[in-house]
Amino acid sequence: MEFHQTDWLGRWHNFESYLTSTDPHMQAAWRDAEGVAAALPMFKNGAKAFWQMACVTTSIGNPRTLGGWEITPAGSDKLCIEWLADDGAPLGCAVYHLDHVLERGLEGRENALFMAENVAADWPFRCLLAMEPMPPRTARQSGGLLSHLHFQYASSPGHLFDPETNTLRSPMWYATMCDAAGTLLEQCNIVRALHRLPLWAELPEE
């Protein structure tokens, strides 16, 4: 993977909010997802239940569910990431540099390992392992899906993967952020795309 700073900048919203949404359109998207997911073994307990388990954003060091990130540039090749709780409260902010690329991370793809600078060794957000945003954030301007990414975080790389084999410690942990600029329709279509359902051209009538 190639790191392009601009791909990461802006506001990101935790996918868990899609799971807890009471909006009738989002609930309709989940009902459709449950209908097709019932036939797949990985969703034996339901689609929502699976993603609630996989996309959790709390951790041993951080008991607060994440609300999202605010990412701004730091120089020409670093990221300043502010971590936000689900109520918008700031959880901390740091400058991150790309340490290296893990060849087989989440989804068996290349993942970027970002390390925070000038923070305590036990800070829970010190290490960020993430897939590159997909599709690019500009894709939505031409009808593409809302940009999103899977990630994990911890105070040290060793909590995320074995330093000898680079095997993920928690291969089924798929915390997920989505572009916060997305409309409700775009958010619903992320849920539909995850379950290979046809995308909505517009929100259905209630």
N, C-alpha and C. Protein backbone atom coordinates (compact mmCIF):
# COMPACT_ATOMS: atom_id res chain seq x y z
N MET A 1 0.84 -1.19 0.00
CA MET A 1 0.00 0.00 0.00
C MET A 1 0.87 1.25 0.00
N GLU A 2 0.35 2.31 -0.57
CA GLU A 2 1.05 3.58 -0.58
C GLU A 2 0.31 4.55 0.34
N PHE A 3 1.06 5.25 1.16
CA PHE A 3 0.45 6.20 2.08
C PHE A 3 0.32 7.56 1.41
N HIS A 4 -0.93 8.02 1.34
CA HIS A 4 -1.20 9.36 0.83
C HIS A 4 -1.94 10.11 1.94
N GLN A 5 -1.31 11.10 2.48
CA GLN A 5 -1.84 11.81 3.64
C GLN A 5 -3.28 12.28 3.43
N THR A 6 -3.58 12.78 2.24
CA THR A 6 -4.90 13.36 2.00
C THR A 6 -6.03 12.33 2.09
N ASP A 7 -5.72 11.04 1.88
CA ASP A 7 -6.75 9.99 1.96
C ASP A 7 -7.34 9.89 3.36
N TRP A 8 -6.58 10.31 4.35
CA TRP A 8 -6.96 10.09 5.74
C TRP A 8 -7.56 11.32 6.42
N LEU A 9 -7.38 12.47 5.82
CA LEU A 9 -7.76 13.72 6.49
C LEU A 9 -9.28 13.91 6.57
N GLY A 10 -9.70 14.61 7.63
CA GLY A 10 -11.11 14.94 7.78
C GLY A 10 -11.73 14.26 8.99
N ARG A 11 -13.06 14.25 8.99
CA ARG A 11 -13.80 13.67 10.10
C ARG A 11 -14.23 12.25 9.75
N TRP A 12 -14.11 11.37 10.73
CA TRP A 12 -14.51 9.97 10.58
C TRP A 12 -15.49 9.62 11.68
N HIS A 13 -16.44 8.77 11.33
CA HIS A 13 -17.54 8.43 12.23
C HIS A 13 -17.55 6.92 12.49
N ASN A 14 -17.68 6.54 13.74
CA ASN A 14 -17.65 5.13 14.13
C ASN A 14 -18.87 4.37 13.57
N PHE A 15 -18.60 3.27 12.89
CA PHE A 15 -19.66 2.44 12.30
C PHE A 15 -20.63 1.90 13.35
N GLU A 16 -20.21 1.80 14.60
CA GLU A 16 -21.10 1.30 15.65
C GLU A 16 -22.37 2.13 15.75
N SER A 17 -22.29 3.40 15.38
CA SER A 17 -23.49 4.25 15.43
C SER A 17 -24.53 3.79 14.41
N TYR A 18 -24.09 3.14 13.34
CA TYR A 18 -25.03 2.59 12.36
C TYR A 18 -25.80 1.43 12.99
N LEU A 19 -25.13 0.70 13.86
CA LEU A 19 -25.73 -0.47 14.51
C LEU A 19 -26.77 -0.07 15.55
N THR A 20 -26.57 1.06 16.18
CA THR A 20 -27.47 1.49 17.25
C THR A 20 -28.49 2.53 16.78
N SER A 21 -28.42 2.91 15.51
CA SER A 21 -29.30 3.95 14.99
C SER A 21 -30.78 3.54 15.11
N THR A 22 -31.60 4.50 15.48
CA THR A 22 -33.05 4.28 15.55
C THR A 22 -33.77 4.86 14.34
N ASP A 23 -32.99 5.40 13.40
CA ASP A 23 -33.61 5.95 12.19
C ASP A 23 -34.33 4.84 11.44
N PRO A 24 -35.56 5.05 11.02
CA PRO A 24 -36.32 3.99 10.35
C PRO A 24 -35.69 3.50 9.05
N HIS A 25 -35.01 4.36 8.32
CA HIS A 25 -34.36 3.93 7.09
C HIS A 25 -33.17 3.01 7.39
N MET A 26 -32.39 3.39 8.38
CA MET A 26 -31.26 2.54 8.76
C MET A 26 -31.76 1.20 9.29
N GLN A 27 -32.85 1.22 10.05
CA GLN A 27 -33.40 -0.03 10.56
C GLN A 27 -33.92 -0.90 9.42
N ALA A 28 -34.46 -0.27 8.38
CA ALA A 28 -34.92 -1.02 7.21
C ALA A 28 -33.74 -1.66 6.48
N ALA A 29 -32.63 -0.93 6.40
CA ALA A 29 -31.43 -1.49 5.77
C ALA A 29 -30.95 -2.71 6.54
N TRP A 30 -30.99 -2.64 7.85
CA TRP A 30 -30.57 -3.78 8.68
C TRP A 30 -31.54 -4.95 8.56
N ARG A 31 -32.83 -4.67 8.44
CA ARG A 31 -33.80 -5.76 8.25
C ARG A 31 -33.51 -6.52 6.96
N ASP A 32 -33.21 -5.79 5.90
CA ASP A 32 -32.87 -6.43 4.63
C ASP A 32 -31.59 -7.25 4.78
N ALA A 33 -30.63 -6.70 5.52
CA ALA A 33 -29.36 -7.40 5.73
C ALA A 33 -29.58 -8.70 6.49
N GLU A 34 -30.42 -8.65 7.50
CA GLU A 34 -30.70 -9.85 8.29
C GLU A 34 -31.33 -10.93 7.41
N GLY A 35 -32.14 -10.50 6.46
CA GLY A 35 -32.81 -11.46 5.59
C GLY A 35 -31.86 -12.26 4.74
N VAL A 36 -30.84 -11.61 4.19
CA VAL A 36 -29.89 -12.33 3.32
C VAL A 36 -28.78 -13.00 4.13
N ALA A 37 -28.51 -12.46 5.30
CA ALA A 37 -27.40 -12.99 6.11
C ALA A 37 -27.75 -14.32 6.78
N ALA A 38 -29.03 -14.59 6.94
CA ALA A 38 -29.45 -15.80 7.66
C ALA A 38 -28.89 -17.08 7.06
N ALA A 39 -28.58 -17.06 5.77
CA ALA A 39 -28.10 -18.27 5.09
C ALA A 39 -26.59 -18.46 5.21
N LEU A 40 -25.90 -17.48 5.79
CA LEU A 40 -24.44 -17.55 5.88
C LEU A 40 -23.99 -17.95 7.28
N PRO A 41 -23.12 -18.95 7.39
CA PRO A 41 -22.67 -19.44 8.70
C PRO A 41 -22.08 -18.35 9.61
N MET A 42 -21.36 -17.40 9.02
CA MET A 42 -20.72 -16.37 9.85
C MET A 42 -21.75 -15.48 10.54
N PHE A 43 -22.96 -15.46 9.99
CA PHE A 43 -24.02 -14.64 10.58
C PHE A 43 -25.06 -15.51 11.29
N LYS A 44 -24.65 -16.64 11.83
CA LYS A 44 -25.60 -17.58 12.43
C LYS A 44 -26.40 -16.95 13.57
N ASN A 45 -25.83 -15.95 14.24
CA ASN A 45 -26.54 -15.28 15.32
C ASN A 45 -27.15 -13.95 14.88
N GLY A 46 -27.11 -13.71 13.57
CA GLY A 46 -27.65 -12.47 13.04
C GLY A 46 -26.56 -11.54 12.56
N ALA A 47 -26.87 -10.76 11.52
CA ALA A 47 -25.88 -9.83 10.96
C ALA A 47 -25.48 -8.76 11.97
N LYS A 48 -26.48 -8.15 12.60
CA LYS A 48 -26.18 -7.08 13.54
C LYS A 48 -25.34 -7.60 14.71
N ALA A 49 -25.70 -8.77 15.21
CA ALA A 49 -24.95 -9.34 16.33
C ALA A 49 -23.50 -9.59 15.95
N PHE A 50 -23.28 -10.03 14.72
CA PHE A 50 -21.91 -10.28 14.26
C PHE A 50 -21.11 -8.98 14.23
N TRP A 51 -21.69 -7.94 13.63
CA TRP A 51 -20.94 -6.69 13.50
C TRP A 51 -20.78 -5.98 14.84
N GLN A 52 -21.75 -6.16 15.75
CA GLN A 52 -21.59 -5.58 17.08
C GLN A 52 -20.40 -6.19 17.81
N MET A 53 -20.17 -7.47 17.58
CA MET A 53 -19.02 -8.14 18.17
C MET A 53 -17.72 -7.72 17.48
N ALA A 54 -17.75 -7.71 16.14
CA ALA A 54 -16.53 -7.46 15.37
C ALA A 54 -16.09 -6.01 15.41
N CYS A 55 -17.04 -5.08 15.48
CA CYS A 55 -16.72 -3.66 15.33
C CYS A 55 -16.63 -2.89 16.63
N VAL A 56 -16.59 -3.59 17.75
CA VAL A 56 -16.50 -2.91 19.04
C VAL A 56 -15.26 -2.02 19.08
N THR A 57 -15.38 -0.86 19.71
CA THR A 57 -14.25 0.07 19.76
C THR A 57 -13.72 0.31 21.16
N THR A 58 -14.27 -0.37 22.14
CA THR A 58 -13.67 -0.31 23.47
C THR A 58 -12.50 -1.29 23.52
N SER A 59 -11.64 -1.11 24.50
CA SER A 59 -10.50 -2.02 24.66
C SER A 59 -10.12 -2.06 26.14
N ILE A 60 -9.13 -2.86 26.46
CA ILE A 60 -8.69 -2.96 27.85
C ILE A 60 -8.27 -1.60 28.38
N GLY A 61 -7.60 -0.83 27.55
CA GLY A 61 -7.12 0.48 27.99
C GLY A 61 -8.10 1.61 27.79
N ASN A 62 -9.15 1.36 27.03
CA ASN A 62 -10.13 2.41 26.74
C ASN A 62 -11.55 1.88 26.90
N PRO A 63 -12.23 2.21 28.00
CA PRO A 63 -13.59 1.71 28.23
C PRO A 63 -14.66 2.50 27.48
N ARG A 64 -14.28 3.58 26.81
CA ARG A 64 -15.26 4.44 26.14
C ARG A 64 -15.46 4.02 24.69
N THR A 65 -16.72 3.87 24.28
CA THR A 65 -17.02 3.63 22.87
C THR A 65 -16.60 4.86 22.08
N LEU A 66 -15.93 4.64 20.97
CA LEU A 66 -15.47 5.76 20.16
C LEU A 66 -16.62 6.39 19.37
N GLY A 67 -16.51 7.69 19.17
CA GLY A 67 -17.45 8.39 18.32
C GLY A 67 -16.86 8.61 16.94
N GLY A 68 -15.54 8.82 16.93
CA GLY A 68 -14.87 9.04 15.65
C GLY A 68 -13.51 9.65 15.81
N TRP A 69 -12.99 10.13 14.69
CA TRP A 69 -11.70 10.83 14.66
C TRP A 69 -11.87 12.16 13.96
N GLU A 70 -11.01 13.07 14.31
CA GLU A 70 -10.79 14.30 13.55
C GLU A 70 -9.32 14.27 13.14
N ILE A 71 -9.05 14.15 11.85
CA ILE A 71 -7.66 14.01 11.40
C ILE A 71 -7.25 15.22 10.57
N THR A 72 -6.15 15.83 10.98
CA THR A 72 -5.60 16.98 10.28
C THR A 72 -4.15 16.68 9.92
N PRO A 73 -3.60 17.41 8.94
CA PRO A 73 -2.21 17.14 8.56
C PRO A 73 -1.23 17.63 9.62
N ALA A 74 -0.14 16.90 9.76
CA ALA A 74 0.97 17.32 10.62
C ALA A 74 2.21 17.29 9.74
N GLY A 75 2.63 18.45 9.28
CA GLY A 75 3.69 18.48 8.29
C GLY A 75 3.18 17.91 6.98
N SER A 76 4.08 17.36 6.18
CA SER A 76 3.70 16.85 4.87
C SER A 76 3.43 15.36 4.84
N ASP A 77 3.80 14.64 5.91
CA ASP A 77 3.66 13.18 5.86
C ASP A 77 3.22 12.53 7.16
N LYS A 78 2.65 13.32 8.07
CA LYS A 78 2.18 12.78 9.33
C LYS A 78 0.72 13.16 9.54
N LEU A 79 0.07 12.49 10.49
CA LEU A 79 -1.34 12.74 10.79
C LEU A 79 -1.50 13.17 12.23
N CYS A 80 -2.30 14.19 12.46
CA CYS A 80 -2.69 14.56 13.81
C CYS A 80 -4.10 14.02 14.03
N ILE A 81 -4.21 13.03 14.90
CA ILE A 81 -5.50 12.36 15.12
C ILE A 81 -6.05 12.70 16.50
N GLU A 82 -7.25 13.26 16.50
CA GLU A 82 -7.97 13.48 17.76
C GLU A 82 -8.99 12.36 17.89
N TRP A 83 -8.92 11.63 18.99
CA TRP A 83 -9.84 10.53 19.26
C TRP A 83 -11.01 11.08 20.05
N LEU A 84 -12.22 10.76 19.60
CA LEU A 84 -13.43 11.29 20.22
C LEU A 84 -14.31 10.15 20.74
N ALA A 85 -14.94 10.37 21.88
CA ALA A 85 -15.89 9.40 22.44
C ALA A 85 -17.23 9.54 21.73
N ASP A 86 -18.13 8.60 21.99
CA ASP A 86 -19.42 8.62 21.29
C ASP A 86 -20.29 9.82 21.66
N ASP A 87 -19.96 10.50 22.74
CA ASP A 87 -20.70 11.71 23.09
C ASP A 87 -19.96 12.97 22.63
N GLY A 88 -18.89 12.77 21.85
CA GLY A 88 -18.13 13.89 21.33
C GLY A 88 -17.00 14.36 22.22
N ALA A 89 -16.89 13.79 23.40
CA ALA A 89 -15.83 14.21 24.33
C ALA A 89 -14.46 13.80 23.80
N PRO A 90 -13.46 14.68 23.91
CA PRO A 90 -12.12 14.33 23.44
C PRO A 90 -11.47 13.29 24.36
N LEU A 91 -10.85 12.30 23.74
CA LEU A 91 -10.16 11.24 24.49
C LEU A 91 -8.65 11.38 24.41
N GLY A 92 -8.19 12.26 23.54
CA GLY A 92 -6.75 12.46 23.38
C GLY A 92 -6.41 12.78 21.95
N CYS A 93 -5.25 13.38 21.77
CA CYS A 93 -4.82 13.80 20.44
C CYS A 93 -3.31 13.62 20.34
N ALA A 94 -2.83 13.18 19.19
CA ALA A 94 -1.40 12.98 19.00
C ALA A 94 -1.05 13.03 17.53
N VAL A 95 0.22 13.27 17.26
CA VAL A 95 0.75 13.21 15.91
C VAL A 95 1.26 11.79 15.67
N TYR A 96 0.89 11.23 14.53
CA TYR A 96 1.26 9.86 14.18
C TYR A 96 2.12 9.85 12.92
N HIS A 97 3.09 8.97 12.90
CA HIS A 97 3.86 8.73 11.69
C HIS A 97 3.67 7.28 11.26
N LEU A 98 3.83 7.02 9.97
CA LEU A 98 3.75 5.65 9.46
C LEU A 98 5.03 4.93 9.85
N ASP A 99 4.89 3.91 10.70
CA ASP A 99 6.05 3.16 11.16
C ASP A 99 6.47 2.12 10.12
N HIS A 100 5.53 1.28 9.72
CA HIS A 100 5.78 0.32 8.65
C HIS A 100 4.47 -0.28 8.18
N VAL A 101 4.53 -1.09 7.16
CA VAL A 101 3.33 -1.74 6.61
C VAL A 101 3.37 -3.22 6.97
N LEU A 102 2.28 -3.68 7.59
CA LEU A 102 2.13 -5.10 7.91
C LEU A 102 1.58 -5.79 6.65
N GLU A 103 2.28 -6.79 6.16
CA GLU A 103 1.91 -7.39 4.88
C GLU A 103 0.56 -8.10 4.90
N ARG A 104 0.26 -8.79 6.00
CA ARG A 104 -1.02 -9.51 6.08
C ARG A 104 -1.71 -9.14 7.39
N GLY A 105 -2.50 -8.09 7.30
CA GLY A 105 -3.23 -7.63 8.47
C GLY A 105 -4.70 -7.95 8.34
N LEU A 106 -5.55 -7.00 8.65
CA LEU A 106 -6.99 -7.18 8.53
C LEU A 106 -7.36 -7.52 7.09
N GLU A 107 -8.28 -8.48 6.94
CA GLU A 107 -8.71 -9.00 5.65
C GLU A 107 -7.56 -9.63 4.86
N GLY A 108 -6.45 -9.93 5.54
CA GLY A 108 -5.31 -10.51 4.86
C GLY A 108 -4.60 -9.54 3.94
N ARG A 109 -4.91 -8.26 4.08
CA ARG A 109 -4.32 -7.23 3.22
C ARG A 109 -3.22 -6.46 3.94
N GLU A 110 -2.54 -5.63 3.19
CA GLU A 110 -1.53 -4.77 3.80
C GLU A 110 -2.22 -3.75 4.71
N ASN A 111 -1.67 -3.59 5.88
CA ASN A 111 -2.18 -2.62 6.85
C ASN A 111 -1.06 -1.66 7.24
N ALA A 112 -1.41 -0.42 7.48
CA ALA A 112 -0.44 0.57 7.93
C ALA A 112 -0.38 0.56 9.46
N LEU A 113 0.82 0.57 10.01
CA LEU A 113 0.99 0.72 11.45
C LEU A 113 1.47 2.14 11.71
N PHE A 114 0.61 2.93 12.35
CA PHE A 114 0.95 4.30 12.72
C PHE A 114 1.33 4.33 14.21
N MET A 115 2.36 5.09 14.53
CA MET A 115 2.80 5.22 15.92
C MET A 115 2.69 6.68 16.34
N ALA A 116 2.10 6.89 17.52
CA ALA A 116 1.98 8.24 18.06
C ALA A 116 3.32 8.71 18.62
N GLU A 117 3.58 9.98 18.47
CA GLU A 117 4.83 10.56 18.95
C GLU A 117 4.62 11.31 20.26
N ASN A 118 5.60 11.21 21.12
CA ASN A 118 5.63 11.98 22.38
C ASN A 118 4.41 11.71 23.27
N VAL A 119 4.07 10.44 23.41
CA VAL A 119 2.98 10.05 24.30
C VAL A 119 3.49 8.98 25.27
N ALA A 120 2.74 8.75 26.33
CA ALA A 120 3.13 7.73 27.31
C ALA A 120 3.09 6.35 26.68
N ALA A 121 3.99 5.48 27.12
CA ALA A 121 4.10 4.13 26.56
C ALA A 121 2.82 3.32 26.76
N ASP A 122 2.04 3.67 27.78
CA ASP A 122 0.82 2.90 28.05
C ASP A 122 -0.45 3.61 27.56
N TRP A 123 -0.29 4.67 26.76
CA TRP A 123 -1.47 5.36 26.22
C TRP A 123 -2.21 4.40 25.30
N PRO A 124 -3.49 4.17 25.50
CA PRO A 124 -4.21 3.14 24.74
C PRO A 124 -4.29 3.37 23.23
N PHE A 125 -4.08 4.62 22.80
CA PHE A 125 -4.18 4.93 21.37
C PHE A 125 -2.80 5.13 20.73
N ARG A 126 -1.77 4.66 21.38
CA ARG A 126 -0.40 4.91 20.90
C ARG A 126 -0.13 4.26 19.54
N CYS A 127 -0.72 3.10 19.30
CA CYS A 127 -0.51 2.37 18.04
C CYS A 127 -1.83 2.22 17.31
N LEU A 128 -1.82 2.53 16.03
CA LEU A 128 -3.01 2.41 15.19
C LEU A 128 -2.66 1.55 13.98
N LEU A 129 -3.33 0.42 13.87
CA LEU A 129 -3.17 -0.47 12.72
C LEU A 129 -4.41 -0.31 11.86
N ALA A 130 -4.24 0.05 10.60
CA ALA A 130 -5.42 0.34 9.78
C ALA A 130 -5.22 -0.03 8.32
N MET A 131 -6.31 -0.47 7.72
CA MET A 131 -6.37 -0.63 6.28
C MET A 131 -6.47 0.76 5.67
N GLU A 132 -6.05 0.90 4.43
CA GLU A 132 -6.20 2.20 3.79
C GLU A 132 -7.68 2.45 3.50
N PRO A 133 -8.10 3.71 3.57
CA PRO A 133 -9.51 4.03 3.29
C PRO A 133 -9.93 3.53 1.92
N MET A 134 -11.13 2.95 1.87
CA MET A 134 -11.63 2.42 0.61
C MET A 134 -13.14 2.70 0.49
N PRO A 135 -13.63 3.11 -0.66
CA PRO A 135 -12.84 3.66 -1.75
C PRO A 135 -12.30 5.02 -1.35
N PRO A 136 -11.57 5.72 -2.23
CA PRO A 136 -11.10 7.07 -1.88
C PRO A 136 -12.27 7.96 -1.48
N ARG A 137 -12.01 8.93 -0.63
CA ARG A 137 -13.09 9.78 -0.13
C ARG A 137 -13.79 10.54 -1.25
N THR A 138 -13.11 10.75 -2.36
CA THR A 138 -13.71 11.47 -3.48
C THR A 138 -14.69 10.61 -4.27
N ALA A 139 -14.71 9.29 -4.04
CA ALA A 139 -15.57 8.40 -4.83
C ALA A 139 -17.04 8.74 -4.68
N ARG A 140 -17.44 9.22 -3.52
CA ARG A 140 -18.86 9.52 -3.28
C ARG A 140 -19.35 10.66 -4.17
N GLN A 141 -18.44 11.48 -4.65
CA GLN A 141 -18.84 12.59 -5.51
C GLN A 141 -19.31 12.12 -6.87
N SER A 142 -18.95 10.89 -7.23
CA SER A 142 -19.37 10.34 -8.52
C SER A 142 -20.22 9.08 -8.33
N GLY A 143 -20.91 9.00 -7.18
CA GLY A 143 -21.83 7.92 -6.94
C GLY A 143 -21.24 6.69 -6.29
N GLY A 144 -19.99 6.75 -5.89
CA GLY A 144 -19.34 5.62 -5.24
C GLY A 144 -19.73 5.48 -3.78
N LEU A 145 -19.31 4.38 -3.17
CA LEU A 145 -19.59 4.15 -1.77
C LEU A 145 -18.89 5.16 -0.87
N LEU A 146 -19.42 5.31 0.31
CA LEU A 146 -18.80 6.14 1.34
C LEU A 146 -17.46 5.51 1.75
N SER A 147 -16.43 6.32 1.84
CA SER A 147 -15.12 5.80 2.23
C SER A 147 -15.17 5.27 3.66
N HIS A 148 -14.51 4.14 3.89
CA HIS A 148 -14.49 3.53 5.21
C HIS A 148 -13.20 2.73 5.37
N LEU A 149 -12.88 2.39 6.58
CA LEU A 149 -11.67 1.62 6.85
C LEU A 149 -11.83 0.81 8.13
N HIS A 150 -11.13 -0.32 8.18
CA HIS A 150 -11.08 -1.15 9.38
C HIS A 150 -9.78 -0.85 10.12
N PHE A 151 -9.83 -0.94 11.45
CA PHE A 151 -8.64 -0.61 12.22
C PHE A 151 -8.63 -1.34 13.56
N GLN A 152 -7.49 -1.34 14.19
CA GLN A 152 -7.30 -1.79 15.56
C GLN A 152 -6.35 -0.79 16.24
N TYR A 153 -6.37 -0.75 17.54
CA TYR A 153 -5.47 0.15 18.26
C TYR A 153 -5.04 -0.47 19.57
N ALA A 154 -3.92 -0.01 20.10
CA ALA A 154 -3.40 -0.52 21.37
C ALA A 154 -2.25 0.37 21.81
N SER A 155 -1.74 0.09 22.99
CA SER A 155 -0.62 0.87 23.51
C SER A 155 0.72 0.43 22.94
N SER A 156 0.80 -0.79 22.41
CA SER A 156 2.05 -1.26 21.81
C SER A 156 1.75 -2.21 20.67
N PRO A 157 2.64 -2.30 19.67
CA PRO A 157 2.41 -3.20 18.54
C PRO A 157 2.23 -4.65 18.97
N GLY A 158 2.94 -5.06 20.03
CA GLY A 158 2.85 -6.44 20.49
C GLY A 158 1.47 -6.84 20.96
N HIS A 159 0.64 -5.86 21.30
CA HIS A 159 -0.74 -6.16 21.69
C HIS A 159 -1.61 -6.42 20.45
N LEU A 160 -1.14 -5.97 19.29
CA LEU A 160 -1.91 -6.10 18.06
C LEU A 160 -1.49 -7.30 17.22
N PHE A 161 -0.20 -7.60 17.21
CA PHE A 161 0.27 -8.74 16.42
C PHE A 161 1.55 -9.32 17.02
N ASP A 162 1.76 -10.59 16.75
CA ASP A 162 2.96 -11.29 17.22
C ASP A 162 4.18 -10.69 16.54
N PRO A 163 5.17 -10.21 17.29
CA PRO A 163 6.33 -9.57 16.66
C PRO A 163 7.20 -10.53 15.85
N GLU A 164 7.08 -11.82 16.10
CA GLU A 164 7.88 -12.80 15.35
C GLU A 164 7.19 -13.19 14.04
N THR A 165 5.90 -13.46 14.12
CA THR A 165 5.18 -13.96 12.93
C THR A 165 4.31 -12.90 12.26
N ASN A 166 4.11 -11.77 12.94
CA ASN A 166 3.22 -10.70 12.46
C ASN A 166 1.76 -11.14 12.36
N THR A 167 1.42 -12.22 13.05
CA THR A 167 0.04 -12.70 13.07
C THR A 167 -0.80 -11.84 14.01
N LEU A 168 -1.97 -11.44 13.55
CA LEU A 168 -2.84 -10.61 14.38
C LEU A 168 -3.26 -11.34 15.65
N ARG A 169 -3.25 -10.64 16.77
CA ARG A 169 -3.71 -11.21 18.03
C ARG A 169 -5.23 -11.42 18.01
N SER A 170 -5.93 -10.48 17.39
CA SER A 170 -7.40 -10.54 17.33
C SER A 170 -7.86 -10.38 15.88
N PRO A 171 -7.75 -11.44 15.09
CA PRO A 171 -8.04 -11.32 13.66
C PRO A 171 -9.50 -11.00 13.33
N MET A 172 -10.39 -11.19 14.30
CA MET A 172 -11.81 -10.89 14.04
C MET A 172 -12.24 -9.54 14.62
N TRP A 173 -11.28 -8.73 15.06
CA TRP A 173 -11.61 -7.40 15.56
C TRP A 173 -11.57 -6.43 14.39
N TYR A 174 -12.74 -5.95 13.97
CA TYR A 174 -12.86 -5.11 12.79
C TYR A 174 -13.49 -3.76 13.14
N ALA A 175 -12.92 -3.05 14.10
CA ALA A 175 -13.40 -1.69 14.37
C ALA A 175 -13.38 -0.93 13.05
N THR A 176 -14.40 -0.10 12.84
CA THR A 176 -14.58 0.52 11.51
C THR A 176 -14.96 1.99 11.63
N MET A 177 -14.32 2.79 10.81
CA MET A 177 -14.68 4.21 10.69
C MET A 177 -15.19 4.48 9.28
N CYS A 178 -16.16 5.38 9.18
CA CYS A 178 -16.70 5.81 7.89
C CYS A 178 -16.58 7.32 7.78
N ASP A 179 -16.48 7.79 6.56
CA ASP A 179 -16.43 9.23 6.29
C ASP A 179 -17.63 9.91 6.96
N ALA A 180 -17.35 10.85 7.84
CA ALA A 180 -18.44 11.51 8.58
C ALA A 180 -19.27 12.44 7.72
N ALA A 181 -18.82 12.71 6.50
CA ALA A 181 -19.57 13.60 5.62
C ALA A 181 -20.73 12.89 4.95
N GLY A 182 -20.86 11.59 5.16
CA GLY A 182 -21.87 10.81 4.47
C GLY A 182 -23.30 11.18 4.83
N THR A 183 -24.17 11.13 3.84
CA THR A 183 -25.60 11.35 4.06
C THR A 183 -26.21 10.07 4.64
N LEU A 184 -27.44 10.16 5.09
CA LEU A 184 -28.13 8.98 5.59
C LEU A 184 -28.24 7.91 4.51
N LEU A 185 -28.51 8.31 3.28
CA LEU A 185 -28.59 7.35 2.18
C LEU A 185 -27.25 6.64 2.01
N GLU A 186 -26.16 7.37 2.05
CA GLU A 186 -24.83 6.76 1.89
C GLU A 186 -24.51 5.82 3.05
N GLN A 187 -24.94 6.19 4.23
CA GLN A 187 -24.73 5.33 5.39
C GLN A 187 -25.52 4.03 5.25
N CYS A 188 -26.77 4.14 4.83
CA CYS A 188 -27.59 2.94 4.63
C CYS A 188 -26.97 2.04 3.56
N ASN A 189 -26.40 2.64 2.55
CA ASN A 189 -25.81 1.85 1.47
C ASN A 189 -24.52 1.15 1.89
N ILE A 190 -23.85 1.64 2.91
CA ILE A 190 -22.71 0.91 3.46
C ILE A 190 -23.22 -0.41 4.05
N VAL A 191 -24.31 -0.35 4.81
CA VAL A 191 -24.90 -1.55 5.39
C VAL A 191 -25.33 -2.51 4.29
N ARG A 192 -25.95 -2.00 3.26
CA ARG A 192 -26.42 -2.85 2.16
C ARG A 192 -25.24 -3.46 1.39
N ALA A 193 -24.20 -2.67 1.15
CA ALA A 193 -23.04 -3.19 0.42
C ALA A 193 -22.32 -4.28 1.21
N LEU A 194 -22.27 -4.13 2.52
CA LEU A 194 -21.62 -5.15 3.36
C LEU A 194 -22.26 -6.52 3.18
N HIS A 195 -23.55 -6.52 2.84
CA HIS A 195 -24.29 -7.78 2.72
C HIS A 195 -24.68 -8.07 1.27
N ARG A 196 -23.99 -7.37 0.36
CA ARG A 196 -24.15 -7.59 -1.09
C ARG A 196 -25.59 -7.40 -1.56
N LEU A 197 -26.24 -6.43 -0.96
CA LEU A 197 -27.59 -6.06 -1.38
C LEU A 197 -27.50 -4.93 -2.40
N PRO A 198 -28.47 -4.82 -3.30
CA PRO A 198 -28.47 -3.70 -4.24
C PRO A 198 -28.52 -2.37 -3.48
N LEU A 199 -27.77 -1.41 -3.96
CA LEU A 199 -27.74 -0.10 -3.30
C LEU A 199 -29.02 0.66 -3.60
N TRP A 200 -29.44 1.46 -2.66
CA TRP A 200 -30.61 2.32 -2.88
C TRP A 200 -30.20 3.54 -3.68
N ALA A 201 -31.03 3.94 -4.63
CA ALA A 201 -30.81 5.18 -5.37
C ALA A 201 -31.33 6.37 -4.56
N GLU A 202 -32.31 6.09 -3.70
CA GLU A 202 -32.86 7.11 -2.80
C GLU A 202 -33.44 6.40 -1.59
N LEU A 203 -33.67 7.15 -0.55
CA LEU A 203 -34.26 6.55 0.65
C LEU A 203 -35.69 6.10 0.35
N PRO A 204 -36.06 4.89 0.74
CA PRO A 204 -37.43 4.42 0.49
C PRO A 204 -38.44 5.17 1.33
N GLU A 205 -39.65 5.18 0.87
CA GLU A 205 -40.71 5.83 1.65
C GLU A 205 -40.97 5.00 2.90
N GLU A 206 -41.24 5.69 3.99
CA GLU A 206 -41.48 4.99 5.25
C GLU A 206 -42.87 4.34 5.25
